[in-house]
PDB file of N, CA and C in Angstrom:
ATOM      1  N   MET A   1     -22.591  57.249  57.792  1.00  0.00           N
ATOM      2  CA  MET A   1     -24.052  57.282  57.815  1.00  0.00           C
ATOM      3  C   MET A   1     -24.583  58.615  57.290  1.00  0.00           C
ATOM      4  N   ALA A   2     -23.692  59.560  57.052  1.00  0.00           N
ATOM      5  CA  ALA A   2     -24.118  60.873  56.548  1.00  0.00           C
ATOM      6  C   ALA A   2     -24.811  60.703  55.205  1.00  0.00           C
ATOM      7  N   GLY A   3     -24.265  59.831  54.361  1.00  0.00           N
ATOM      8  CA  GLY A   3     -24.858  59.617  53.044  1.00  0.00           C
ATOM      9  C   GLY A   3     -26.295  59.120  53.179  1.00  0.00           C
ATOM     10  N   GLY A   4     -26.522  58.207  54.121  1.00  0.00           N
ATOM     11  CA  GLY A   4     -27.873  57.681  54.312  1.00  0.00           C
ATOM     12  C   GLY A   4     -28.841  58.784  54.674  1.00  0.00           C
ATOM     13  N   SER A   5     -28.404  59.693  55.539  1.00  0.00           N
ATOM     14  CA  SER A   5     -29.279  60.792  55.941  1.00  0.00           C
ATOM     15  C   SER A   5     -29.634  61.657  54.740  1.00  0.00           C
ATOM     16  N   ALA A   6     -28.642  61.944  53.916  1.00  0.00           N
ATOM     17  CA  ALA A   6     -28.873  62.791  52.741  1.00  0.00           C
ATOM     18  C   ALA A   6     -29.874  62.119  51.812  1.00  0.00           C
ATOM     19  N   ILE A   7     -29.697  60.831  51.585  1.00  0.00           N
ATOM     20  CA  ILE A   7     -30.605  60.102  50.694  1.00  0.00           C
ATOM     21  C   ILE A   7     -32.013  60.125  51.286  1.00  0.00           C
ATOM     22  N   ARG A   8     -32.105  59.939  52.591  1.00  0.00           N
ATOM     23  CA  ARG A   8     -33.414  59.915  53.231  1.00  0.00           C
ATOM     24  C   ARG A   8     -34.125  61.250  53.020  1.00  0.00           C
ATOM     25  N   GLY A   9     -33.404  62.334  53.284  1.00  0.00           N
ATOM     26  CA  GLY A   9     -34.003  63.659  53.148  1.00  0.00           C
ATOM     27  C   GLY A   9     -34.444  63.926  51.721  1.00  0.00           C
ATOM     28  N   SER A  10     -33.613  63.544  50.757  1.00  0.00           N
ATOM     29  CA  SER A  10     -33.940  63.817  49.352  1.00  0.00           C
ATOM     30  C   SER A  10     -35.132  62.976  48.907  1.00  0.00           C
ATOM     31  N   ARG A  11     -35.177  61.707  49.326  1.00  0.00           N
ATOM     32  CA  ARG A  11     -36.275  60.864  48.852  1.00  0.00           C
ATOM     33  C   ARG A  11     -37.585  61.223  49.537  1.00  0.00           C
ATOM     34  N   VAL A  12     -37.507  61.844  50.704  1.00  0.00           N
ATOM     35  CA  VAL A  12     -38.727  62.246  51.403  1.00  0.00           C
ATOM     36  C   VAL A  12     -39.467  63.291  50.571  1.00  0.00           C
ATOM     37  N   GLY A  13     -38.698  64.167  49.897  1.00  0.00           N
ATOM     38  CA  GLY A  13     -39.325  65.210  49.090  1.00  0.00           C
ATOM     39  C   GLY A  13     -39.633  64.734  47.679  1.00  0.00           C
ATOM     40  N   ALA A  14     -39.233  63.506  47.349  1.00  0.00           N
ATOM     41  CA  ALA A  14     -39.480  62.990  45.993  1.00  0.00           C
ATOM     42  C   ALA A  14     -40.966  62.674  45.813  1.00  0.00           C
ATOM     43  N   GLY A  15     -41.357  61.432  46.072  1.00  0.00           N
ATOM     44  CA  GLY A  15     -42.764  61.060  45.899  1.00  0.00           C
ATOM     45  C   GLY A  15     -43.159  59.982  46.887  1.00  0.00           C
ATOM     46  N   PRO A  16     -44.450  59.712  47.031  1.00  0.00           N
ATOM     47  CA  PRO A  16     -44.928  58.685  47.970  1.00  0.00           C
ATOM     48  C   PRO A  16     -44.519  57.273  47.553  1.00  0.00           C
ATOM     49  N   MET A  17     -44.812  56.891  46.305  1.00  0.00           N
ATOM     50  CA  MET A  17     -44.484  55.542  45.856  1.00  0.00           C
ATOM     51  C   MET A  17     -43.048  55.498  45.327  1.00  0.00           C
ATOM     52  N   GLY A  18     -42.682  56.462  44.500  1.00  0.00           N
ATOM     53  CA  GLY A  18     -41.336  56.492  43.928  1.00  0.00           C
ATOM     54  C   GLY A  18     -40.256  56.508  45.000  1.00  0.00           C
ATOM     55  N   GLU A  19     -40.480  57.275  46.059  1.00  0.00           N
ATOM     56  CA  GLU A  19     -39.468  57.369  47.113  1.00  0.00           C
ATOM     57  C   GLU A  19     -39.286  56.025  47.811  1.00  0.00           C
ATOM     58  N   ALA A  20     -40.367  55.309  48.061  1.00  0.00           N
ATOM     59  CA  ALA A  20     -40.271  54.024  48.755  1.00  0.00           C
ATOM     60  C   ALA A  20     -39.471  53.034  47.914  1.00  0.00           C
ATOM     61  N   GLU A  21     -39.823  52.916  46.650  1.00  0.00           N
ATOM     62  CA  GLU A  21     -39.109  51.976  45.782  1.00  0.00           C
ATOM     63  C   GLU A  21     -37.657  52.382  45.630  1.00  0.00           C
ATOM     64  N   ARG A  22     -37.431  53.670  45.437  1.00  0.00           N
ATOM     65  CA  ARG A  22     -36.063  54.158  45.250  1.00  0.00           C
ATOM     66  C   ARG A  22     -35.258  53.924  46.529  1.00  0.00           C
ATOM     67  N   GLY A  23     -35.836  54.222  47.662  1.00  0.00           N
ATOM     68  CA  GLY A  23     -35.132  54.041  48.925  1.00  0.00           C
ATOM     69  C   GLY A  23     -34.703  52.594  49.115  1.00  0.00           C
ATOM     70  N   GLU A  24     -35.614  51.671  48.828  1.00  0.00           N
ATOM     71  CA  GLU A  24     -35.269  50.256  48.975  1.00  0.00           C
ATOM     72  C   GLU A  24     -34.155  49.865  48.019  1.00  0.00           C
ATOM     73  N   ALA A  25     -34.241  50.328  46.778  1.00  0.00           N
ATOM     74  CA  ALA A  25     -33.219  49.994  45.780  1.00  0.00           C
ATOM     75  C   ALA A  25     -31.862  50.543  46.215  1.00  0.00           C
ATOM     76  N   ILE A  26     -31.844  51.801  46.673  1.00  0.00           N
ATOM     77  CA  ILE A  26     -30.588  52.424  47.105  1.00  0.00           C
ATOM     78  C   ILE A  26     -30.011  51.658  48.293  1.00  0.00           C
ATOM     79  N   ALA A  27     -30.856  51.331  49.267  1.00  0.00           N
ATOM     80  CA  ALA A  27     -30.393  50.614  50.452  1.00  0.00           C
ATOM     81  C   ALA A  27     -29.815  49.259  50.037  1.00  0.00           C
ATOM     82  N   ARG A  28     -30.484  48.582  49.141  1.00  0.00           N
ATOM     83  CA  ARG A  28     -30.028  47.272  48.684  1.00  0.00           C
ATOM     84  C   ARG A  28     -28.671  47.407  48.005  1.00  0.00           C
ATOM     85  N   PHE A  29     -28.545  48.400  47.145  1.00  0.00           N
ATOM     86  CA  PHE A  29     -27.290  48.609  46.420  1.00  0.00           C
ATOM     87  C   PHE A  29     -26.159  48.873  47.407  1.00  0.00           C
ATOM     88  N   HIS A  30     -26.409  49.710  48.410  1.00  0.00           N
ATOM     89  CA  HIS A  30     -25.380  50.031  49.397  1.00  0.00           C
ATOM     90  C   HIS A  30     -24.966  48.775  50.161  1.00  0.00           C
ATOM     91  N   VAL A  31     -25.931  47.967  50.553  1.00  0.00           N
ATOM     92  CA  VAL A  31     -25.628  46.749  51.309  1.00  0.00           C
ATOM     93  C   VAL A  31     -24.763  45.814  50.477  1.00  0.00           C
ATOM     94  N   SER A  32     -25.182  45.557  49.234  1.00  0.00           N
ATOM     95  CA  SER A  32     -24.409  44.648  48.380  1.00  0.00           C
ATOM     96  C   SER A  32     -23.026  45.229  48.100  1.00  0.00           C
ATOM     97  N   TYR A  33     -22.947  46.525  47.911  1.00  0.00           N
ATOM     98  CA  TYR A  33     -21.663  47.163  47.618  1.00  0.00           C
ATOM     99  C   TYR A  33     -20.713  47.017  48.806  1.00  0.00           C
ATOM    100  N   TRP A  34     -21.242  47.266  50.017  1.00  0.00           N
ATOM    101  CA  TRP A  34     -20.392  47.177  51.204  1.00  0.00           C
ATOM    102  C   TRP A  34     -20.016  45.716  51.480  1.00  0.00           C
ATOM    103  N   CYS A  35     -20.908  44.794  51.167  1.00  0.00           N
ATOM    104  CA  CYS A  35     -20.618  43.380  51.403  1.00  0.00           C
ATOM    105  C   CYS A  35     -19.429  42.940  50.555  1.00  0.00           C
ATOM    106  N   GLN A  36     -19.358  43.426  49.329  1.00  0.00           N
ATOM    107  CA  GLN A  36     -18.257  43.044  48.445  1.00  0.00           C
ATOM    108  C   GLN A  36     -16.968  43.637  48.968  1.00  0.00           C
TER     109      GLN A  36
END
């Protein structure tokens, strides 16, 4: 879960809209990757 924390912290400083979209995309990618 360390990676998730790092991504969260980095996207918080990114942008209001960009961070939300990016966060969802990253989370989705991680879920699909782990599922495989």
